[in-house]
Amino acid sequence: MLHTGIGWEDLPQELGFGSGMTCWRRIKRWTDAGMFDDLHQILLTELNAANELDWSRAVIDGSHIDAKKGAPEQVRRRSTAASRDPSTT
C-alpha cells in the first residue's frame, strides 16, 4: 500500500489487520517512533557485515528530507556610523 497507491480504506478486511484507519495510525506511530529508520539501519549493518552490499552502486538522494521553507531571515546589523544626536523629545 505504501508504494502501490492503494487507499487505506481499500485494504481487505480479511487480511486481519483492522480498518484502514487503524493501519494508518500504526504506520504513523511506528514512523514517529523512528522504527523504520532503525530497521533500515539494522538491515544496512547486517547486509554490509555479510558483504552483500555493492556500495559502488549506491546513490545519495535527499528528496525525502524536509527542507526549511521560506527566505532566510535577515540579520539586523548594528550600524558602525557615527551616532546621531540624542532625541530631545
PDB file of N, CA and C in Angstrom:
ATOM      1  N   MET A   1       0.812  -1.189   0.000  1.00  0.00           N
ATOM      2  CA  MET A   1       0.000   0.000   0.000  1.00  0.00           C
ATOM      3  C   MET A   1       0.851   1.247   0.000  1.00  0.00           C
ATOM      4  N   LEU A   2       2.065   1.202   0.546  1.00  0.00           N
ATOM      5  CA  LEU A   2       2.899   2.394   0.564  1.00  0.00           C
ATOM      6  C   LEU A   2       3.396   2.748  -0.830  1.00  0.00           C
ATOM      7  N   HIS A   3       3.617   1.747  -1.670  1.00  0.00           N
ATOM      8  CA  HIS A   3       4.156   2.007  -2.998  1.00  0.00           C
ATOM      9  C   HIS A   3       3.140   1.781  -4.110  1.00  0.00           C
ATOM     10  N   THR A   4       2.064   1.059  -3.828  1.00  0.00           N
ATOM     11  CA  THR A   4       1.106   0.759  -4.882  1.00  0.00           C
ATOM     12  C   THR A   4       0.042   1.828  -5.022  1.00  0.00           C
ATOM     13  N   GLY A   5      -0.122   2.646  -4.000  1.00  0.00           N
ATOM     14  CA  GLY A   5      -1.116   3.701  -4.069  1.00  0.00           C
ATOM     15  C   GLY A   5      -2.504   3.258  -3.645  1.00  0.00           C
ATOM     16  N   ILE A   6      -2.657   2.052  -3.116  1.00  0.00           N
ATOM     17  CA  ILE A   6      -3.966   1.609  -2.642  1.00  0.00           C
ATOM     18  C   ILE A   6      -4.382   2.498  -1.467  1.00  0.00           C
ATOM     19  N   GLY A   7      -5.635   2.875  -1.447  1.00  0.00           N
ATOM     20  CA  GLY A   7      -6.135   3.698  -0.357  1.00  0.00           C
ATOM     21  C   GLY A   7      -6.256   2.883   0.923  1.00  0.00           C
ATOM     22  N   TRP A   8      -6.042   3.543   2.049  1.00  0.00           N
ATOM     23  CA  TRP A   8      -6.141   2.831   3.326  1.00  0.00           C
ATOM     24  C   TRP A   8      -7.512   2.191   3.484  1.00  0.00           C
ATOM     25  N   GLU A   9      -8.541   2.888   3.036  1.00  0.00           N
ATOM     26  CA  GLU A   9      -9.901   2.360   3.192  1.00  0.00           C
ATOM     27  C   GLU A   9     -10.168   1.165   2.283  1.00  0.00           C
ATOM     28  N   ASP A  10      -9.276   0.929   1.301  1.00  0.00           N
ATOM     29  CA  ASP A  10      -9.451  -0.192   0.372  1.00  0.00           C
ATOM     30  C   ASP A  10      -8.713  -1.458   0.801  1.00  0.00           C
ATOM     31  N   LEU A  11      -8.042  -1.417   1.953  1.00  0.00           N
ATOM     32  CA  LEU A  11      -7.352  -2.621   2.425  1.00  0.00           C
ATOM     33  C   LEU A  11      -8.374  -3.708   2.739  1.00  0.00           C
ATOM     34  N   PRO A  12      -8.144  -4.927   2.263  1.00  0.00           N
ATOM     35  CA  PRO A  12      -9.100  -6.014   2.522  1.00  0.00           C
ATOM     36  C   PRO A  12      -9.182  -6.353   4.010  1.00  0.00           C
ATOM     37  N   GLN A  13     -10.381  -6.375   4.549  1.00  0.00           N
ATOM     38  CA  GLN A  13     -10.587  -6.701   5.957  1.00  0.00           C
ATOM     39  C   GLN A  13     -10.151  -8.129   6.280  1.00  0.00           C
ATOM     40  N   GLU A  14     -10.210  -9.012   5.271  1.00  0.00           N
ATOM     41  CA  GLU A  14      -9.850 -10.413   5.521  1.00  0.00           C
ATOM     42  C   GLU A  14      -8.359 -10.600   5.821  1.00  0.00           C
ATOM     43  N   LEU A  15      -7.555  -9.574   5.611  1.00  0.00           N
ATOM     44  CA  LEU A  15      -6.141  -9.667   5.994  1.00  0.00           C
ATOM     45  C   LEU A  15      -5.984  -9.693   7.511  1.00  0.00           C
ATOM     46  N   GLY A  16      -6.989  -9.174   8.217  1.00  0.00           N
ATOM     47  CA  GLY A  16      -6.978  -9.235   9.672  1.00  0.00           C
ATOM     48  C   GLY A  16      -6.154  -8.152  10.352  1.00  0.00           C
ATOM     49  N   PHE A  17      -5.842  -7.076   9.640  1.00  0.00           N
ATOM     50  CA  PHE A  17      -5.031  -6.010  10.230  1.00  0.00           C
ATOM     51  C   PHE A  17      -5.873  -4.879  10.796  1.00  0.00           C
ATOM     52  N   GLY A  18      -7.172  -4.975  10.711  1.00  0.00           N
ATOM     53  CA  GLY A  18      -8.041  -3.907  11.174  1.00  0.00           C
ATOM     54  C   GLY A  18      -8.433  -3.000  10.017  1.00  0.00           C
ATOM     55  N   SER A  19      -9.066  -1.913  10.369  1.00  0.00           N
ATOM     56  CA  SER A  19      -9.528  -0.970   9.346  1.00  0.00           C
ATOM     57  C   SER A  19      -8.346  -0.224   8.739  1.00  0.00           C
ATOM     58  N   GLY A  20      -8.614   0.456   7.640  1.00  0.00           N
ATOM     59  CA  GLY A  20      -7.585   1.271   7.015  1.00  0.00           C
ATOM     60  C   GLY A  20      -7.067   2.337   7.960  1.00  0.00           C
ATOM     61  N   MET A  21      -7.966   2.947   8.735  1.00  0.00           N
ATOM     62  CA  MET A  21      -7.562   3.977   9.691  1.00  0.00           C
ATOM     63  C   MET A  21      -6.663   3.388  10.772  1.00  0.00           C
ATOM     64  N   THR A  22      -6.976   2.174  11.231  1.00  0.00           N
ATOM     65  CA  THR A  22      -6.131   1.515  12.229  1.00  0.00           C
ATOM     66  C   THR A  22      -4.735   1.276  11.664  1.00  0.00           C
ATOM     67  N   CYS A  23      -4.663   0.800  10.435  1.00  0.00           N
ATOM     68  CA  CYS A  23      -3.358   0.563   9.796  1.00  0.00           C
ATOM     69  C   CYS A  23      -2.594   1.867   9.632  1.00  0.00           C
ATOM     70  N   TRP A  24      -3.279   2.922   9.216  1.00  0.00           N
ATOM     71  CA  TRP A  24      -2.635   4.224   9.046  1.00  0.00           C
ATOM     72  C   TRP A  24      -2.066   4.720  10.374  1.00  0.00           C
ATOM     73  N   ARG A  25      -2.861   4.583  11.445  1.00  0.00           N
ATOM     74  CA  ARG A  25      -2.389   5.024  12.769  1.00  0.00           C
ATOM     75  C   ARG A  25      -1.158   4.244  13.204  1.00  0.00           C
ATOM     76  N   ARG A  26      -1.153   2.936  12.957  1.00  0.00           N
ATOM     77  CA  ARG A  26       0.013   2.119  13.329  1.00  0.00           C
ATOM     78  C   ARG A  26       1.256   2.564  12.565  1.00  0.00           C
ATOM     79  N   ILE A  27       1.117   2.738  11.246  1.00  0.00           N
ATOM     80  CA  ILE A  27       2.257   3.174  10.429  1.00  0.00           C
ATOM     81  C   ILE A  27       2.759   4.531  10.910  1.00  0.00           C
ATOM     82  N   LYS A  28       1.844   5.446  11.206  1.00  0.00           N
ATOM     83  CA  LYS A  28       2.238   6.775  11.684  1.00  0.00           C
ATOM     84  C   LYS A  28       2.963   6.671  13.018  1.00  0.00           C
ATOM     85  N   ARG A  29       2.445   5.891  13.940  1.00  0.00           N
ATOM     86  CA  ARG A  29       3.073   5.722  15.260  1.00  0.00           C
ATOM     87  C   ARG A  29       4.466   5.128  15.107  1.00  0.00           C
ATOM     88  N   TRP A  30       4.606   4.114  14.259  1.00  0.00           N
ATOM     89  CA  TRP A  30       5.917   3.490  14.044  1.00  0.00           C
ATOM     90  C   TRP A  30       6.887   4.469  13.385  1.00  0.00           C
ATOM     91  N   THR A  31       6.382   5.252  12.425  1.00  0.00           N
ATOM     92  CA  THR A  31       7.227   6.239  11.753  1.00  0.00           C
ATOM     93  C   THR A  31       7.685   7.307  12.738  1.00  0.00           C
ATOM     94  N   ASP A  32       6.754   7.838  13.525  1.00  0.00           N
ATOM     95  CA  ASP A  32       7.089   8.868  14.510  1.00  0.00           C
ATOM     96  C   ASP A  32       8.085   8.358  15.547  1.00  0.00           C
ATOM     97  N   ALA A  33       8.018   7.068  15.864  1.00  0.00           N
ATOM     98  CA  ALA A  33       8.931   6.471  16.842  1.00  0.00           C
ATOM     99  C   ALA A  33      10.294   6.150  16.237  1.00  0.00           C
ATOM    100  N   GLY A  34      10.434   6.327  14.920  1.00  0.00           N
ATOM    101  CA  GLY A  34      11.716   6.064  14.272  1.00  0.00           C
ATOM    102  C   GLY A  34      11.968   4.600  13.964  1.00  0.00           C
ATOM    103  N   MET A  35      10.921   3.778  14.012  1.00  0.00           N
ATOM    104  CA  MET A  35      11.095   2.347  13.801  1.00  0.00           C
ATOM    105  C   MET A  35      11.634   2.023  12.408  1.00  0.00           C
ATOM    106  N   PHE A  36      11.139   2.712  11.380  1.00  0.00           N
ATOM    107  CA  PHE A  36      11.583   2.400  10.021  1.00  0.00           C
ATOM    108  C   PHE A  36      13.029   2.832   9.797  1.00  0.00           C
ATOM    109  N   ASP A  37      13.427   3.954  10.392  1.00  0.00           N
ATOM    110  CA  ASP A  37      14.830   4.372  10.308  1.00  0.00           C
ATOM    111  C   ASP A  37      15.729   3.355  11.004  1.00  0.00           C
ATOM    112  N   ASP A  38      15.293   2.884  12.183  1.00  0.00           N
ATOM    113  CA  ASP A  38      16.068   1.870  12.916  1.00  0.00           C
ATOM    114  C   ASP A  38      16.172   0.580  12.116  1.00  0.00           C
ATOM    115  N   LEU A  39      15.058   0.136  11.555  1.00  0.00           N
ATOM    116  CA  LEU A  39      15.043  -1.087  10.758  1.00  0.00           C
ATOM    117  C   LEU A  39      15.962  -0.955   9.548  1.00  0.00           C
ATOM    118  N   HIS A  40      15.923   0.190   8.889  1.00  0.00           N
ATOM    119  CA  HIS A  40      16.781   0.435   7.736  1.00  0.00           C
ATOM    120  C   HIS A  40      18.255   0.348   8.139  1.00  0.00           C
ATOM    121  N   GLN A  41      18.606   0.952   9.276  1.00  0.00           N
ATOM    122  CA  GLN A  41      19.994   0.924   9.738  1.00  0.00           C
ATOM    123  C   GLN A  41      20.431  -0.500  10.080  1.00  0.00           C
ATOM    124  N   ILE A  42      19.567  -1.265  10.715  1.00  0.00           N
ATOM    125  CA  ILE A  42      19.889  -2.661  11.051  1.00  0.00           C
ATOM    126  C   ILE A  42      20.126  -3.472   9.780  1.00  0.00           C
ATOM    127  N   LEU A  43      19.243  -3.300   8.796  1.00  0.00           N
ATOM    128  CA  LEU A  43      19.414  -4.027   7.531  1.00  0.00           C
ATOM    129  C   LEU A  43      20.728  -3.657   6.843  1.00  0.00           C
ATOM    130  N   LEU A  44      21.045  -2.372   6.792  1.00  0.00           N
ATOM    131  CA  LEU A  44      22.306  -1.949   6.180  1.00  0.00           C
ATOM    132  C   LEU A  44      23.506  -2.542   6.911  1.00  0.00           C
ATOM    133  N   THR A  45      23.476  -2.513   8.233  1.00  0.00           N
ATOM    134  CA  THR A  45      24.583  -3.040   9.032  1.00  0.00           C
ATOM    135  C   THR A  45      24.771  -4.531   8.791  1.00  0.00           C
ATOM    136  N   GLU A  46      23.672  -5.277   8.831  1.00  0.00           N
ATOM    137  CA  GLU A  46      23.766  -6.733   8.656  1.00  0.00           C
ATOM    138  C   GLU A  46      24.172  -7.113   7.232  1.00  0.00           C
ATOM    139  N   LEU A  47      23.603  -6.444   6.244  1.00  0.00           N
ATOM    140  CA  LEU A  47      23.975  -6.747   4.862  1.00  0.00           C
ATOM    141  C   LEU A  47      25.426  -6.368   4.585  1.00  0.00           C
ATOM    142  N   ASN A  48      25.875  -5.260   5.147  1.00  0.00           N
ATOM    143  CA  ASN A  48      27.264  -4.851   4.965  1.00  0.00           C
ATOM    144  C   ASN A  48      28.207  -5.855   5.628  1.00  0.00           C
ATOM    145  N   ALA A  49      27.866  -6.317   6.834  1.00  0.00           N
ATOM    146  CA  ALA A  49      28.694  -7.302   7.542  1.00  0.00           C
ATOM    147  C   ALA A  49      28.777  -8.610   6.762  1.00  0.00           C
ATOM    148  N   ALA A  50      27.712  -8.960   6.047  1.00  0.00           N
ATOM    149  CA  ALA A  50      27.692 -10.187   5.248  1.00  0.00           C
ATOM    150  C   ALA A  50      28.262  -9.956   3.850  1.00  0.00           C
ATOM    151  N   ASN A  51      28.811  -8.759   3.620  1.00  0.00           N
ATOM    152  CA  ASN A  51      29.384  -8.394   2.325  1.00  0.00           C
ATOM    153  C   ASN A  51      28.364  -8.561   1.188  1.00  0.00           C
ATOM    154  N   GLU A  52      27.127  -8.178   1.471  1.00  0.00           N
ATOM    155  CA  GLU A  52      26.041  -8.316   0.496  1.00  0.00           C
ATOM    156  C   GLU A  52      25.627  -6.988  -0.129  1.00  0.00           C
ATOM    157  N   LEU A  53      26.364  -5.922   0.178  1.00  0.00           N
ATOM    158  CA  LEU A  53      26.038  -4.619  -0.401  1.00  0.00           C
ATOM    159  C   LEU A  53      27.092  -4.228  -1.420  1.00  0.00           C
ATOM    160  N   ASP A  54      26.642  -3.718  -2.539  1.00  0.00           N
ATOM    161  CA  ASP A  54      27.542  -3.219  -3.571  1.00  0.00           C
ATOM    162  C   ASP A  54      27.516  -1.694  -3.491  1.00  0.00           C
ATOM    163  N   TRP A  55      28.424  -1.136  -2.687  1.00  0.00           N
ATOM    164  CA  TRP A  55      28.437   0.303  -2.445  1.00  0.00           C
ATOM    165  C   TRP A  55      28.789   1.099  -3.698  1.00  0.00           C
ATOM    166  N   SER A  56      29.353   0.450  -4.712  1.00  0.00           N
ATOM    167  CA  SER A  56      29.669   1.176  -5.944  1.00  0.00           C
ATOM    168  C   SER A  56      28.397   1.585  -6.685  1.00  0.00           C
ATOM    169  N   ARG A  57      27.278   0.980  -6.312  1.00  0.00           N
ATOM    170  CA  ARG A  57      26.002   1.309  -6.959  1.00  0.00           C
ATOM    171  C   ARG A  57      25.103   2.149  -6.057  1.00  0.00           C
ATOM    172  N   ALA A  58      25.642   2.628  -4.947  1.00  0.00           N
ATOM    173  CA  ALA A  58      24.850   3.420  -4.000  1.00  0.00           C
ATOM    174  C   ALA A  58      24.614   4.828  -4.539  1.00  0.00           C
ATOM    175  N   VAL A  59      23.469   5.380  -4.201  1.00  0.00           N
ATOM    176  CA  VAL A  59      23.105   6.730  -4.619  1.00  0.00           C
ATOM    177  C   VAL A  59      22.597   7.477  -3.394  1.00  0.00           C
ATOM    178  N   ILE A  60      23.023   8.700  -3.244  1.00  0.00           N
ATOM    179  CA  ILE A  60      22.525   9.533  -2.152  1.00  0.00           C
ATOM    180  C   ILE A  60      21.433  10.428  -2.711  1.00  0.00           C
ATOM    181  N   ASP A  61      20.288  10.421  -2.046  1.00  0.00           N
ATOM    182  CA  ASP A  61      19.138  11.182  -2.517  1.00  0.00           C
ATOM    183  C   ASP A  61      18.487  11.871  -1.324  1.00  0.00           C
ATOM    184  N   GLY A  62      18.372  13.155  -1.367  1.00  0.00           N
ATOM    185  CA  GLY A  62      17.768  13.900  -0.270  1.00  0.00           C
ATOM    186  C   GLY A  62      16.317  14.266  -0.510  1.00  0.00           C
ATOM    187  N   SER A  63      15.668  13.624  -1.460  1.00  0.00           N
ATOM    188  CA  SER A  63      14.298  14.011  -1.798  1.00  0.00           C
ATOM    189  C   SER A  63      13.311  13.716  -0.677  1.00  0.00           C
ATOM    190  N   HIS A  64      13.668  12.867   0.268  1.00  0.00           N
ATOM    191  CA  HIS A  64      12.753  12.544   1.356  1.00  0.00           C
ATOM    192  C   HIS A  64      13.020  13.375   2.606  1.00  0.00           C
ATOM    193  N   ILE A  65      13.958  14.313   2.527  1.00  0.00           N
ATOM    194  CA  ILE A  65      14.294  15.164   3.658  1.00  0.00           C
ATOM    195  C   ILE A  65      13.501  16.462   3.548  1.00  0.00           C
ATOM    196  N   ASP A  66      12.879  16.873   4.651  1.00  0.00           N
ATOM    197  CA  ASP A  66      12.143  18.129   4.650  1.00  0.00           C
ATOM    198  C   ASP A  66      13.119  19.293   4.550  1.00  0.00           C
ATOM    199  N   ALA A  67      12.805  20.221   3.682  1.00  0.00           N
ATOM    200  CA  ALA A  67      13.628  21.419   3.520  1.00  0.00           C
ATOM    201  C   ALA A  67      12.991  22.566   4.285  1.00  0.00           C
ATOM    202  N   LYS A  68      13.829  23.433   4.848  1.00  0.00           N
ATOM    203  CA  LYS A  68      13.319  24.606   5.530  1.00  0.00           C
ATOM    204  C   LYS A  68      12.714  25.521   4.477  1.00  0.00           C
ATOM    205  N   LYS A  69      11.492  25.933   4.697  1.00  0.00           N
ATOM    206  CA  LYS A  69      10.790  26.741   3.711  1.00  0.00           C
ATOM    207  C   LYS A  69      10.932  28.229   4.027  1.00  0.00           C
ATOM    208  N   GLY A  70      10.813  29.036   3.001  1.00  0.00           N
ATOM    209  CA  GLY A  70      10.849  30.478   3.176  1.00  0.00           C
ATOM    210  C   GLY A  70      12.237  31.048   2.974  1.00  0.00           C
ATOM    211  N   ALA A  71      12.256  32.343   2.816  1.00  0.00           N
ATOM    212  CA  ALA A  71      13.531  33.034   2.617  1.00  0.00           C
ATOM    213  C   ALA A  71      14.293  33.090   3.933  1.00  0.00           C
ATOM    214  N   PRO A  72      15.604  33.124   3.846  1.00  0.00           N
ATOM    215  CA  PRO A  72      16.380  33.228   5.080  1.00  0.00           C
ATOM    216  C   PRO A  72      16.093  34.559   5.771  1.00  0.00           C
ATOM    217  N   GLU A  73      16.102  34.521   7.088  1.00  0.00           N
ATOM    218  CA  GLU A  73      15.852  35.745   7.845  1.00  0.00           C
ATOM    219  C   GLU A  73      17.047  36.675   7.709  1.00  0.00           C
ATOM    220  N   GLN A  74      16.748  37.966   7.599  1.00  0.00           N
ATOM    221  CA  GLN A  74      17.834  38.932   7.518  1.00  0.00           C
ATOM    222  C   GLN A  74      18.313  39.250   8.921  1.00  0.00           C
ATOM    223  N   VAL A  75      19.610  39.330   9.054  1.00  0.00           N
ATOM    224  CA  VAL A  75      20.201  39.654  10.343  1.00  0.00           C
ATOM    225  C   VAL A  75      20.348  41.162  10.415  1.00  0.00           C
ATOM    226  N   ARG A  76      19.841  41.755  11.482  1.00  0.00           N
ATOM    227  CA  ARG A  76      19.998  43.201  11.659  1.00  0.00           C
ATOM    228  C   ARG A  76      21.384  43.453  12.208  1.00  0.00           C
ATOM    229  N   ARG A  77      22.118  44.238  11.495  1.00  0.00           N
ATOM    230  CA  ARG A  77      23.481  44.556  11.908  1.00  0.00           C
ATOM    231  C   ARG A  77      23.505  45.947  12.539  1.00  0.00           C
ATOM    232  N   ARG A  78      24.294  46.058  13.573  1.00  0.00           N
ATOM    233  CA  ARG A  78      24.439  47.340  14.235  1.00  0.00           C
ATOM    234  C   ARG A  78      25.264  48.268  13.351  1.00  0.00           C
ATOM    235  N   SER A  79      24.804  49.484  13.220  1.00  0.00           N
ATOM    236  CA  SER A  79      25.494  50.455  12.380  1.00  0.00           C
ATOM    237  C   SER A  79      26.821  50.850  13.013  1.00  0.00           C
ATOM    238  N   THR A  80      27.826  51.019  12.172  1.00  0.00           N
ATOM    239  CA  THR A  80      29.127  51.489  12.653  1.00  0.00           C
ATOM    240  C   THR A  80      29.298  52.972  12.369  1.00  0.00           C
ATOM    241  N   ALA A  81      28.266  53.595  11.795  1.00  0.00           N
ATOM    242  CA  ALA A  81      28.319  55.033  11.501  1.00  0.00           C
ATOM    243  C   ALA A  81      28.223  55.818  12.801  1.00  0.00           C
ATOM    244  N   ALA A  82      28.718  57.050  12.755  1.00  0.00           N
ATOM    245  CA  ALA A  82      28.641  57.912  13.937  1.00  0.00           C
ATOM    246  C   ALA A  82      27.184  58.074  14.332  1.00  0.00           C
ATOM    247  N   SER A  83      26.925  58.033  15.618  1.00  0.00           N
ATOM    248  CA  SER A  83      25.544  58.128  16.074  1.00  0.00           C
ATOM    249  C   SER A  83      25.047  59.556  15.975  1.00  0.00           C
ATOM    250  N   ARG A  84      23.741  59.670  15.787  1.00  0.00           N
ATOM    251  CA  ARG A  84      23.124  60.987  15.711  1.00  0.00           C
ATOM    252  C   ARG A  84      22.961  61.538  17.121  1.00  0.00           C
ATOM    253  N   ASP A  85      22.663  62.828  17.182  1.00  0.00           N
ATOM    254  CA  ASP A  85      22.423  63.446  18.482  1.00  0.00           C
ATOM    255  C   ASP A  85      21.216  62.788  19.127  1.00  0.00           C
ATOM    256  N   PRO A  86      21.234  62.628  20.434  1.00  0.00           N
ATOM    257  CA  PRO A  86      20.091  62.016  21.115  1.00  0.00           C
ATOM    258  C   PRO A  86      18.829  62.856  20.926  1.00  0.00           C
ATOM    259  N   SER A  87      17.715  62.200  20.923  1.00  0.00           N
ATOM    260  CA  SER A  87      16.431  62.866  20.749  1.00  0.00           C
ATOM    261  C   SER A  87      16.123  63.711  21.981  1.00  0.00           C
ATOM    262  N   THR A  88      15.547  64.879  21.772  1.00  0.00           N
ATOM    263  CA  THR A  88      15.172  65.757  22.885  1.00  0.00           C
ATOM    264  C   THR A  88      13.674  65.741  23.118  1.00  0.00           C
ATOM    265  N   THR A  89      12.961  64.864  22.423  1.00  0.00           N
ATOM    266  CA  THR A  89      11.506  64.826  22.598  1.00  0.00           C
ATOM    267  C   THR A  89      11.110  63.720  23.511  1.00  0.00           C
TER     268      THR A  89
END
